[in-house]
Amino acid sequence: MSDVLPFFRAWVAHPLRIASVVPSGRALGRLITSQVNPGFGPVLELGAGTGVFTQALVERGIPDSGLVLIEYTPQFARVLQRRYPGAVVICMDAAGLRHVTWRHDQLAGAVISGLPLLSMPPGKVLAILKGAFSRLRSGGGFYQFTYGPRCPVSDKVLDRLGLVSQSIGWVFSNFPPAQVYRLTRR
């Protein structure tokens, strides 16, 4: 609960940049990371916020040294650096991901996204996905949650990038209820 007030304040200041008024729940963290294994290393997390999904990754056996956390909000980036000192924490807009390097520029085995894609213009979503898939090894998945009934990435963008989406489940206990999708290359 200690993250609720800072998260709410960030949402009030930037409602289109923060996906919800409260951090995602632990059950959503478990679902969005359920297909990620320690052998995947490194794992790239976009919009890491206060670390709900990050903690779920650690609980799945991913050491914090195997995490690259991208967070736009400086306040949240500082929280992540304190909580996960072995992780690479980069404070930036995920749309610029193609131009960033980390630890020998390794390719990620998975991308976990907490970004509010539905509130972003299509061009920005396209830039984020291009950047993420340029950093994702062959066979890796991009995991994205949404509060809506459909994939938050339009069919037009999926087709343009040669991607397919598959729902891996709903978390009705999350506030609000959320669905998780896995995006992969065709």
N, C-alpha and C. Protein backbone atom coordinates (compact mmCIF):
# COMPACT_ATOMS: atom_id res chain seq x y z
N MET A 1 0.80 -1.20 0.00
CA MET A 1 0.00 0.00 0.00
C MET A 1 0.85 1.27 0.00
N SER A 2 2.12 1.18 0.36
CA SER A 2 2.95 2.38 0.45
C SER A 2 3.14 3.06 -0.90
N ASP A 3 2.89 2.35 -2.00
CA ASP A 3 3.06 2.94 -3.32
C ASP A 3 1.79 3.61 -3.84
N VAL A 4 0.66 3.42 -3.17
CA VAL A 4 -0.61 3.92 -3.69
C VAL A 4 -0.62 5.45 -3.77
N LEU A 5 -0.25 6.14 -2.72
CA LEU A 5 -0.31 7.61 -2.71
C LEU A 5 0.64 8.23 -3.74
N PRO A 6 1.92 7.82 -3.80
CA PRO A 6 2.79 8.39 -4.84
C PRO A 6 2.29 8.07 -6.26
N PHE A 7 1.74 6.88 -6.43
CA PHE A 7 1.23 6.49 -7.74
C PHE A 7 0.04 7.36 -8.12
N PHE A 8 -0.87 7.57 -7.16
CA PHE A 8 -2.04 8.42 -7.40
C PHE A 8 -1.61 9.84 -7.74
N ARG A 9 -0.63 10.36 -7.02
CA ARG A 9 -0.13 11.72 -7.30
C ARG A 9 0.45 11.81 -8.72
N ALA A 10 1.17 10.79 -9.12
CA ALA A 10 1.74 10.77 -10.47
C ALA A 10 0.63 10.73 -11.52
N TRP A 11 -0.42 9.96 -11.23
CA TRP A 11 -1.55 9.88 -12.16
C TRP A 11 -2.25 11.23 -12.27
N VAL A 12 -2.46 11.92 -11.15
CA VAL A 12 -3.11 13.24 -11.17
C VAL A 12 -2.27 14.22 -12.00
N ALA A 13 -0.97 14.16 -11.86
CA ALA A 13 -0.08 15.08 -12.59
C ALA A 13 -0.03 14.75 -14.08
N HIS A 14 -0.11 13.46 -14.43
CA HIS A 14 0.04 13.03 -15.84
C HIS A 14 -0.91 11.87 -16.13
N PRO A 15 -2.22 12.13 -16.22
CA PRO A 15 -3.19 11.04 -16.36
C PRO A 15 -3.06 10.22 -17.64
N LEU A 16 -2.52 10.78 -18.71
CA LEU A 16 -2.37 10.00 -19.94
C LEU A 16 -1.09 9.17 -19.96
N ARG A 17 -0.15 9.50 -19.08
CA ARG A 17 1.11 8.77 -19.02
C ARG A 17 1.05 7.61 -18.03
N ILE A 18 0.20 7.71 -17.02
CA ILE A 18 0.07 6.69 -15.99
C ILE A 18 -1.24 5.94 -16.27
N ALA A 19 -1.18 4.61 -16.37
CA ALA A 19 -2.33 3.83 -16.84
C ALA A 19 -3.49 3.74 -15.85
N SER A 20 -3.24 3.90 -14.58
CA SER A 20 -4.28 3.69 -13.58
C SER A 20 -4.02 4.60 -12.38
N VAL A 21 -5.04 4.75 -11.54
CA VAL A 21 -4.88 5.59 -10.36
C VAL A 21 -4.12 4.87 -9.24
N VAL A 22 -3.99 3.56 -9.34
CA VAL A 22 -3.25 2.76 -8.37
C VAL A 22 -2.33 1.80 -9.11
N PRO A 23 -1.26 1.33 -8.47
CA PRO A 23 -0.38 0.36 -9.12
C PRO A 23 -1.13 -0.94 -9.43
N SER A 24 -0.65 -1.67 -10.41
CA SER A 24 -1.22 -2.97 -10.74
C SER A 24 -1.13 -3.89 -9.54
N GLY A 25 -2.05 -4.83 -9.47
CA GLY A 25 -2.07 -5.77 -8.36
C GLY A 25 -1.10 -6.92 -8.55
N ARG A 26 -0.84 -7.63 -7.46
CA ARG A 26 0.09 -8.77 -7.48
C ARG A 26 -0.38 -9.88 -8.41
N ALA A 27 -1.70 -10.10 -8.48
CA ALA A 27 -2.23 -11.16 -9.35
C ALA A 27 -1.94 -10.84 -10.82
N LEU A 28 -2.06 -9.58 -11.21
CA LEU A 28 -1.71 -9.18 -12.58
C LEU A 28 -0.22 -9.36 -12.79
N GLY A 29 0.58 -9.02 -11.80
CA GLY A 29 2.03 -9.23 -11.90
C GLY A 29 2.37 -10.70 -12.12
N ARG A 30 1.68 -11.58 -11.42
CA ARG A 30 1.93 -13.02 -11.60
C ARG A 30 1.55 -13.48 -13.00
N LEU A 31 0.40 -12.99 -13.51
CA LEU A 31 -0.04 -13.43 -14.85
C LEU A 31 0.87 -12.89 -15.94
N ILE A 32 1.21 -11.62 -15.90
CA ILE A 32 1.99 -11.03 -16.99
C ILE A 32 3.41 -11.62 -17.04
N THR A 33 3.89 -12.15 -15.92
CA THR A 33 5.23 -12.75 -15.89
C THR A 33 5.19 -14.29 -15.92
N SER A 34 4.02 -14.87 -16.04
CA SER A 34 3.86 -16.32 -15.89
C SER A 34 4.61 -17.15 -16.93
N GLN A 35 4.90 -16.60 -18.09
CA GLN A 35 5.60 -17.35 -19.13
C GLN A 35 7.09 -17.02 -19.21
N VAL A 36 7.57 -16.23 -18.25
CA VAL A 36 8.98 -15.83 -18.23
C VAL A 36 9.75 -16.74 -17.28
N ASN A 37 10.86 -17.27 -17.76
CA ASN A 37 11.68 -18.18 -16.95
C ASN A 37 13.07 -17.60 -16.73
N PRO A 38 13.74 -18.03 -15.65
CA PRO A 38 15.08 -17.50 -15.36
C PRO A 38 16.08 -17.64 -16.50
N GLY A 39 15.94 -18.64 -17.35
CA GLY A 39 16.85 -18.82 -18.46
C GLY A 39 16.68 -17.81 -19.58
N PHE A 40 15.63 -17.02 -19.54
CA PHE A 40 15.36 -16.05 -20.60
C PHE A 40 16.39 -14.95 -20.64
N GLY A 41 16.84 -14.51 -19.49
CA GLY A 41 17.69 -13.37 -19.25
C GLY A 41 18.13 -12.58 -20.45
N PRO A 42 18.46 -11.36 -20.41
CA PRO A 42 17.85 -10.39 -19.52
C PRO A 42 16.38 -10.17 -19.89
N VAL A 43 15.63 -9.60 -18.98
CA VAL A 43 14.23 -9.26 -19.23
C VAL A 43 14.13 -7.73 -19.22
N LEU A 44 13.47 -7.22 -20.23
CA LEU A 44 13.28 -5.79 -20.39
C LEU A 44 11.87 -5.44 -19.91
N GLU A 45 11.77 -4.48 -19.01
CA GLU A 45 10.46 -4.04 -18.53
C GLU A 45 10.25 -2.58 -18.90
N LEU A 46 9.14 -2.30 -19.56
CA LEU A 46 8.81 -0.95 -19.99
C LEU A 46 7.72 -0.39 -19.09
N GLY A 47 7.91 0.83 -18.61
CA GLY A 47 6.94 1.43 -17.70
C GLY A 47 6.90 0.68 -16.39
N ALA A 48 8.06 0.49 -15.80
CA ALA A 48 8.17 -0.35 -14.60
C ALA A 48 7.48 0.24 -13.37
N GLY A 49 7.17 1.53 -13.40
CA GLY A 49 6.43 2.14 -12.29
C GLY A 49 7.14 1.96 -10.97
N THR A 50 6.42 1.44 -9.98
CA THR A 50 7.00 1.21 -8.66
C THR A 50 7.49 -0.22 -8.47
N GLY A 51 7.38 -1.05 -9.51
CA GLY A 51 8.00 -2.36 -9.46
C GLY A 51 7.10 -3.56 -9.17
N VAL A 52 5.80 -3.45 -9.38
CA VAL A 52 4.91 -4.60 -9.14
C VAL A 52 5.30 -5.77 -10.06
N PHE A 53 5.46 -5.50 -11.35
CA PHE A 53 5.85 -6.56 -12.28
C PHE A 53 7.30 -6.98 -12.04
N THR A 54 8.13 -6.02 -11.68
CA THR A 54 9.54 -6.30 -11.38
C THR A 54 9.63 -7.30 -10.23
N GLN A 55 8.86 -7.08 -9.19
CA GLN A 55 8.86 -7.99 -8.05
C GLN A 55 8.37 -9.38 -8.45
N ALA A 56 7.36 -9.44 -9.31
CA ALA A 56 6.87 -10.73 -9.80
C ALA A 56 7.96 -11.46 -10.58
N LEU A 57 8.75 -10.72 -11.36
CA LEU A 57 9.87 -11.34 -12.09
C LEU A 57 10.90 -11.90 -11.12
N VAL A 58 11.24 -11.12 -10.09
CA VAL A 58 12.20 -11.59 -9.08
C VAL A 58 11.67 -12.84 -8.39
N GLU A 59 10.39 -12.84 -8.08
CA GLU A 59 9.79 -14.02 -7.44
C GLU A 59 9.78 -15.24 -8.35
N ARG A 60 9.84 -15.03 -9.67
CA ARG A 60 9.93 -16.14 -10.63
C ARG A 60 11.37 -16.62 -10.82
N GLY A 61 12.31 -15.98 -10.13
CA GLY A 61 13.69 -16.43 -10.19
C GLY A 61 14.60 -15.59 -11.06
N ILE A 62 14.09 -14.50 -11.62
CA ILE A 62 14.94 -13.61 -12.42
C ILE A 62 15.70 -12.73 -11.43
N PRO A 63 17.03 -12.80 -11.40
CA PRO A 63 17.77 -11.92 -10.48
C PRO A 63 17.66 -10.48 -10.95
N ASP A 64 17.74 -9.54 -10.00
CA ASP A 64 17.64 -8.14 -10.43
C ASP A 64 18.77 -7.76 -11.38
N SER A 65 19.86 -8.47 -11.35
CA SER A 65 20.95 -8.21 -12.30
C SER A 65 20.57 -8.62 -13.73
N GLY A 66 19.49 -9.35 -13.89
CA GLY A 66 19.00 -9.76 -15.20
C GLY A 66 17.84 -8.90 -15.69
N LEU A 67 17.67 -7.73 -15.08
CA LEU A 67 16.55 -6.85 -15.44
C LEU A 67 17.04 -5.52 -16.00
N VAL A 68 16.37 -5.07 -17.05
CA VAL A 68 16.58 -3.74 -17.60
C VAL A 68 15.22 -3.05 -17.48
N LEU A 69 15.15 -2.03 -16.63
CA LEU A 69 13.89 -1.37 -16.30
C LEU A 69 13.86 0.02 -16.93
N ILE A 70 12.87 0.25 -17.77
CA ILE A 70 12.68 1.54 -18.42
C ILE A 70 11.52 2.25 -17.73
N GLU A 71 11.76 3.44 -17.21
CA GLU A 71 10.72 4.19 -16.51
C GLU A 71 10.88 5.67 -16.83
N TYR A 72 9.79 6.30 -17.24
CA TYR A 72 9.82 7.70 -17.63
C TYR A 72 9.81 8.66 -16.44
N THR A 73 9.10 8.30 -15.38
CA THR A 73 8.94 9.19 -14.23
C THR A 73 10.16 9.11 -13.32
N PRO A 74 10.90 10.20 -13.14
CA PRO A 74 12.12 10.15 -12.31
C PRO A 74 11.87 9.64 -10.88
N GLN A 75 10.76 10.04 -10.28
CA GLN A 75 10.44 9.58 -8.92
C GLN A 75 10.35 8.06 -8.88
N PHE A 76 9.69 7.45 -9.86
CA PHE A 76 9.58 5.99 -9.89
C PHE A 76 10.93 5.34 -10.21
N ALA A 77 11.71 5.96 -11.09
CA ALA A 77 13.03 5.41 -11.42
C ALA A 77 13.92 5.34 -10.17
N ARG A 78 13.85 6.36 -9.32
CA ARG A 78 14.63 6.35 -8.07
C ARG A 78 14.16 5.22 -7.14
N VAL A 79 12.86 5.00 -7.06
CA VAL A 79 12.31 3.89 -6.25
C VAL A 79 12.85 2.56 -6.77
N LEU A 80 12.83 2.38 -8.09
CA LEU A 80 13.32 1.14 -8.69
C LEU A 80 14.80 0.93 -8.41
N GLN A 81 15.61 1.98 -8.53
CA GLN A 81 17.05 1.86 -8.26
C GLN A 81 17.32 1.44 -6.83
N ARG A 82 16.50 1.96 -5.92
CA ARG A 82 16.67 1.61 -4.50
C ARG A 82 16.23 0.17 -4.23
N ARG A 83 15.12 -0.24 -4.81
CA ARG A 83 14.58 -1.59 -4.57
C ARG A 83 15.33 -2.69 -5.30
N TYR A 84 15.87 -2.37 -6.48
CA TYR A 84 16.53 -3.38 -7.32
C TYR A 84 17.91 -2.87 -7.73
N PRO A 85 18.84 -2.83 -6.77
CA PRO A 85 20.15 -2.20 -7.03
C PRO A 85 20.97 -2.89 -8.12
N GLY A 86 20.72 -4.13 -8.40
CA GLY A 86 21.48 -4.83 -9.45
C GLY A 86 20.92 -4.61 -10.83
N ALA A 87 19.72 -4.06 -10.94
CA ALA A 87 19.07 -3.86 -12.24
C ALA A 87 19.65 -2.64 -12.95
N VAL A 88 19.54 -2.66 -14.27
CA VAL A 88 19.82 -1.47 -15.06
C VAL A 88 18.52 -0.68 -15.09
N VAL A 89 18.52 0.52 -14.53
CA VAL A 89 17.33 1.38 -14.53
C VAL A 89 17.63 2.57 -15.42
N ILE A 90 16.79 2.75 -16.44
CA ILE A 90 16.99 3.85 -17.38
C ILE A 90 15.75 4.73 -17.34
N CYS A 91 15.95 5.99 -17.01
CA CYS A 91 14.85 6.96 -16.94
C CYS A 91 14.72 7.61 -18.31
N MET A 92 13.69 7.18 -19.06
CA MET A 92 13.51 7.66 -20.43
C MET A 92 12.13 7.32 -20.95
N ASP A 93 11.79 7.91 -22.08
CA ASP A 93 10.57 7.58 -22.81
C ASP A 93 10.86 6.31 -23.60
N ALA A 94 10.02 5.31 -23.45
CA ALA A 94 10.23 4.02 -24.12
C ALA A 94 10.20 4.13 -25.64
N ALA A 95 9.67 5.22 -26.18
CA ALA A 95 9.65 5.39 -27.64
C ALA A 95 11.07 5.53 -28.20
N GLY A 96 12.04 5.87 -27.37
CA GLY A 96 13.43 6.00 -27.82
C GLY A 96 14.27 4.76 -27.59
N LEU A 97 13.64 3.65 -27.31
CA LEU A 97 14.34 2.42 -26.95
C LEU A 97 15.36 1.94 -27.99
N ARG A 98 15.08 2.17 -29.25
CA ARG A 98 16.00 1.71 -30.30
C ARG A 98 17.38 2.36 -30.21
N HIS A 99 17.46 3.49 -29.52
CA HIS A 99 18.70 4.25 -29.47
C HIS A 99 19.47 4.10 -28.16
N VAL A 100 19.11 3.10 -27.36
CA VAL A 100 19.71 2.91 -26.04
C VAL A 100 20.45 1.58 -26.00
N THR A 101 21.60 1.59 -25.32
CA THR A 101 22.34 0.34 -25.13
C THR A 101 22.46 0.06 -23.64
N TRP A 102 22.64 -1.19 -23.30
CA TRP A 102 22.86 -1.59 -21.92
C TRP A 102 23.70 -2.86 -21.94
N ARG A 103 24.43 -3.11 -20.89
CA ARG A 103 25.24 -4.32 -20.68
C ARG A 103 25.56 -5.09 -21.96
N HIS A 104 26.50 -4.62 -22.66
CA HIS A 104 26.97 -5.30 -23.88
C HIS A 104 25.87 -5.42 -24.92
N ASP A 105 24.81 -4.61 -24.77
CA ASP A 105 23.72 -4.57 -25.73
C ASP A 105 23.09 -5.95 -25.97
N GLN A 106 22.93 -6.73 -24.90
CA GLN A 106 22.32 -8.06 -25.01
C GLN A 106 20.88 -7.95 -25.49
N LEU A 107 20.43 -8.98 -26.20
CA LEU A 107 19.02 -9.06 -26.57
C LEU A 107 18.23 -9.66 -25.41
N ALA A 108 17.04 -9.14 -25.20
CA ALA A 108 16.19 -9.61 -24.12
C ALA A 108 15.48 -10.90 -24.52
N GLY A 109 15.17 -11.72 -23.53
CA GLY A 109 14.40 -12.93 -23.77
C GLY A 109 12.91 -12.66 -23.69
N ALA A 110 12.53 -11.57 -23.02
CA ALA A 110 11.12 -11.19 -22.89
C ALA A 110 11.04 -9.70 -22.60
N VAL A 111 9.91 -9.12 -22.99
CA VAL A 111 9.61 -7.73 -22.67
C VAL A 111 8.29 -7.73 -21.92
N ILE A 112 8.28 -7.09 -20.76
CA ILE A 112 7.07 -6.93 -19.95
C ILE A 112 6.71 -5.46 -20.01
N SER A 113 5.47 -5.16 -20.42
CA SER A 113 5.09 -3.76 -20.58
C SER A 113 3.94 -3.36 -19.68
N GLY A 114 4.18 -2.31 -18.91
CA GLY A 114 3.15 -1.69 -18.10
C GLY A 114 2.73 -0.35 -18.70
N LEU A 115 3.04 -0.14 -19.97
CA LEU A 115 2.75 1.14 -20.61
C LEU A 115 1.27 1.25 -20.98
N PRO A 116 0.70 2.46 -20.88
CA PRO A 116 -0.71 2.68 -21.25
C PRO A 116 -0.85 2.89 -22.77
N LEU A 117 -0.67 1.83 -23.55
CA LEU A 117 -0.64 1.94 -25.00
C LEU A 117 -1.92 2.55 -25.58
N LEU A 118 -3.07 2.28 -24.97
CA LEU A 118 -4.34 2.79 -25.51
C LEU A 118 -4.43 4.31 -25.45
N SER A 119 -3.68 4.94 -24.57
CA SER A 119 -3.74 6.40 -24.47
C SER A 119 -2.66 7.08 -25.30
N MET A 120 -1.93 6.30 -26.09
CA MET A 120 -0.84 6.85 -26.90
C MET A 120 -1.23 6.92 -28.37
N PRO A 121 -0.68 7.90 -29.09
CA PRO A 121 -0.93 7.95 -30.53
C PRO A 121 -0.29 6.74 -31.22
N PRO A 122 -0.90 6.29 -32.33
CA PRO A 122 -0.38 5.11 -33.03
C PRO A 122 1.10 5.19 -33.39
N GLY A 123 1.59 6.38 -33.76
CA GLY A 123 3.00 6.53 -34.11
C GLY A 123 3.92 6.23 -32.94
N LYS A 124 3.51 6.62 -31.75
CA LYS A 124 4.32 6.35 -30.56
C LYS A 124 4.29 4.86 -30.23
N VAL A 125 3.11 4.24 -30.34
CA VAL A 125 3.00 2.79 -30.10
C VAL A 125 3.90 2.05 -31.08
N LEU A 126 3.88 2.49 -32.33
CA LEU A 126 4.73 1.87 -33.36
C LEU A 126 6.21 2.00 -32.99
N ALA A 127 6.64 3.17 -32.54
CA ALA A 127 8.04 3.39 -32.15
C ALA A 127 8.41 2.50 -30.96
N ILE A 128 7.52 2.39 -29.98
CA ILE A 128 7.80 1.55 -28.81
C ILE A 128 7.95 0.08 -29.22
N LEU A 129 7.02 -0.40 -30.03
CA LEU A 129 7.08 -1.80 -30.45
C LEU A 129 8.29 -2.08 -31.34
N LYS A 130 8.61 -1.16 -32.25
CA LYS A 130 9.81 -1.33 -33.09
C LYS A 130 11.05 -1.42 -32.20
N GLY A 131 11.14 -0.51 -31.24
CA GLY A 131 12.28 -0.50 -30.34
C GLY A 131 12.35 -1.77 -29.50
N ALA A 132 11.22 -2.19 -28.95
CA ALA A 132 11.19 -3.39 -28.11
C ALA A 132 11.57 -4.63 -28.91
N PHE A 133 11.01 -4.77 -30.11
CA PHE A 133 11.31 -5.97 -30.90
C PHE A 133 12.73 -5.93 -31.48
N SER A 134 13.32 -4.74 -31.60
CA SER A 134 14.72 -4.67 -32.02
C SER A 134 15.64 -5.14 -30.89
N ARG A 135 15.15 -5.13 -29.65
CA ARG A 135 15.91 -5.55 -28.46
C ARG A 135 15.52 -6.94 -27.96
N LEU A 136 14.62 -7.62 -28.71
CA LEU A 136 14.09 -8.92 -28.29
C LEU A 136 14.62 -10.02 -29.19
N ARG A 137 15.18 -11.05 -28.57
CA ARG A 137 15.73 -12.14 -29.37
C ARG A 137 14.62 -12.92 -30.08
N SER A 138 14.98 -13.67 -31.09
CA SER A 138 14.04 -14.50 -31.85
C SER A 138 13.31 -15.45 -30.90
N GLY A 139 12.01 -15.54 -31.05
CA GLY A 139 11.21 -16.42 -30.21
C GLY A 139 10.74 -15.78 -28.92
N GLY A 140 11.23 -14.59 -28.61
CA GLY A 140 10.85 -13.91 -27.38
C GLY A 140 9.46 -13.28 -27.48
N GLY A 141 8.84 -13.06 -26.34
CA GLY A 141 7.51 -12.48 -26.32
C GLY A 141 7.48 -11.11 -25.67
N PHE A 142 6.54 -10.30 -26.12
CA PHE A 142 6.26 -8.98 -25.58
C PHE A 142 4.93 -9.11 -24.86
N TYR A 143 4.91 -8.91 -23.55
CA TYR A 143 3.72 -9.09 -22.73
C TYR A 143 3.14 -7.75 -22.34
N GLN A 144 1.87 -7.55 -22.66
CA GLN A 144 1.20 -6.26 -22.45
C GLN A 144 -0.15 -6.50 -21.80
N PHE A 145 -0.49 -5.67 -20.81
CA PHE A 145 -1.82 -5.79 -20.24
C PHE A 145 -2.70 -4.65 -20.72
N THR A 146 -3.99 -4.85 -20.60
CA THR A 146 -4.97 -3.84 -20.97
C THR A 146 -6.19 -3.98 -20.08
N TYR A 147 -6.92 -2.90 -19.92
CA TYR A 147 -8.17 -2.94 -19.18
C TYR A 147 -9.35 -3.18 -20.13
N GLY A 148 -9.09 -3.22 -21.41
CA GLY A 148 -10.15 -3.39 -22.40
C GLY A 148 -10.33 -4.84 -22.84
N PRO A 149 -11.35 -5.07 -23.68
CA PRO A 149 -11.67 -6.43 -24.12
C PRO A 149 -10.84 -6.92 -25.30
N ARG A 150 -10.02 -6.03 -25.91
CA ARG A 150 -9.23 -6.41 -27.08
C ARG A 150 -7.76 -6.06 -26.88
N CYS A 151 -6.94 -6.59 -27.73
CA CYS A 151 -5.52 -6.27 -27.70
C CYS A 151 -5.35 -4.76 -27.84
N PRO A 152 -4.51 -4.15 -27.01
CA PRO A 152 -4.33 -2.69 -27.08
C PRO A 152 -3.51 -2.23 -28.28
N VAL A 153 -2.99 -3.16 -29.06
CA VAL A 153 -2.25 -2.82 -30.27
C VAL A 153 -3.17 -3.12 -31.45
N SER A 154 -3.41 -2.13 -32.29
CA SER A 154 -4.35 -2.29 -33.40
C SER A 154 -3.86 -3.34 -34.39
N ASP A 155 -4.81 -3.93 -35.10
CA ASP A 155 -4.46 -4.90 -36.14
C ASP A 155 -3.57 -4.28 -37.20
N LYS A 156 -3.80 -2.99 -37.49
CA LYS A 156 -2.99 -2.28 -38.49
C LYS A 156 -1.52 -2.24 -38.06
N VAL A 157 -1.27 -1.92 -36.80
CA VAL A 157 0.10 -1.86 -36.29
C VAL A 157 0.70 -3.27 -36.22
N LEU A 158 -0.08 -4.24 -35.76
CA LEU A 158 0.41 -5.63 -35.72
C LEU A 158 0.82 -6.09 -37.11
N ASP A 159 -0.04 -5.85 -38.11
CA ASP A 159 0.26 -6.25 -39.49
C ASP A 159 1.51 -5.55 -40.02
N ARG A 160 1.59 -4.25 -39.77
CA ARG A 160 2.74 -3.47 -40.26
C ARG A 160 4.06 -4.01 -39.73
N LEU A 161 4.05 -4.49 -38.45
CA LEU A 161 5.29 -4.98 -37.84
C LEU A 161 5.45 -6.49 -37.96
N GLY A 162 4.49 -7.17 -38.57
CA GLY A 162 4.59 -8.62 -38.71
C GLY A 162 4.43 -9.35 -37.39
N LEU A 163 3.50 -8.86 -36.56
CA LEU A 163 3.29 -9.43 -35.23
C LEU A 163 1.92 -10.08 -35.12
N VAL A 164 1.81 -11.00 -34.18
CA VAL A 164 0.52 -11.60 -33.84
C VAL A 164 0.33 -11.45 -32.34
N SER A 165 -0.95 -11.42 -31.92
CA SER A 165 -1.25 -11.30 -30.50
C SER A 165 -2.10 -12.48 -30.05
N GLN A 166 -1.92 -12.83 -28.79
CA GLN A 166 -2.70 -13.91 -28.19
C GLN A 166 -2.98 -13.54 -26.74
N SER A 167 -4.23 -13.66 -26.33
CA SER A 167 -4.58 -13.41 -24.93
C SER A 167 -4.09 -14.58 -24.09
N ILE A 168 -3.43 -14.26 -22.96
CA ILE A 168 -3.02 -15.35 -22.06
C ILE A 168 -3.86 -15.36 -20.79
N GLY A 169 -4.85 -14.47 -20.71
CA GLY A 169 -5.77 -14.54 -19.58
C GLY A 169 -6.19 -13.20 -19.01
N TRP A 170 -7.19 -13.30 -18.14
CA TRP A 170 -7.76 -12.15 -17.43
C TRP A 170 -7.42 -12.24 -15.96
N VAL A 171 -7.34 -11.09 -15.31
CA VAL A 171 -7.23 -11.02 -13.85
C VAL A 171 -8.39 -10.15 -13.38
N PHE A 172 -9.44 -10.81 -12.90
CA PHE A 172 -10.64 -10.09 -12.46
C PHE A 172 -10.45 -9.48 -11.08
N SER A 173 -9.47 -9.97 -10.32
CA SER A 173 -9.23 -9.42 -8.99
C SER A 173 -8.42 -8.13 -9.03
N ASN A 174 -7.88 -7.79 -10.19
CA ASN A 174 -7.14 -6.53 -10.33
C ASN A 174 -8.14 -5.37 -10.37
N PHE A 175 -7.70 -4.17 -9.94
CA PHE A 175 -8.55 -3.00 -10.07
C PHE A 175 -7.90 -2.02 -11.04
N PRO A 176 -8.53 -1.75 -12.17
CA PRO A 176 -9.67 -2.47 -12.72
C PRO A 176 -9.24 -3.82 -13.28
N PRO A 177 -10.22 -4.72 -13.58
CA PRO A 177 -9.86 -6.03 -14.17
C PRO A 177 -9.01 -5.82 -15.42
N ALA A 178 -8.06 -6.73 -15.63
CA ALA A 178 -7.12 -6.57 -16.73
C ALA A 178 -6.92 -7.88 -17.48
N GLN A 179 -6.57 -7.74 -18.74
CA GLN A 179 -6.27 -8.87 -19.61
C GLN A 179 -4.81 -8.74 -20.06
N VAL A 180 -4.14 -9.88 -20.23
CA VAL A 180 -2.74 -9.88 -20.66
C VAL A 180 -2.64 -10.51 -22.04
N TYR A 181 -1.86 -9.86 -22.91
CA TYR A 181 -1.59 -10.35 -24.26
C TYR A 181 -0.11 -10.63 -24.43
N ARG A 182 0.17 -11.63 -25.25
CA ARG A 182 1.55 -11.92 -25.67
C ARG A 182 1.64 -11.61 -27.14
N LEU A 183 2.57 -10.71 -27.49
CA LEU A 183 2.83 -10.38 -28.89
C LEU A 183 4.11 -11.07 -29.32
N THR A 184 4.08 -11.67 -30.50
CA THR A 184 5.27 -12.34 -31.03
C THR A 184 5.38 -12.05 -32.53
N ARG A 185 6.56 -12.29 -33.05
CA ARG A 185 6.75 -12.15 -34.51
C ARG A 185 6.03 -13.31 -35.20
N ARG A 186 5.53 -13.02 -36.39
CA ARG A 186 4.87 -14.07 -37.18
C ARG A 186 5.85 -15.14 -37.56
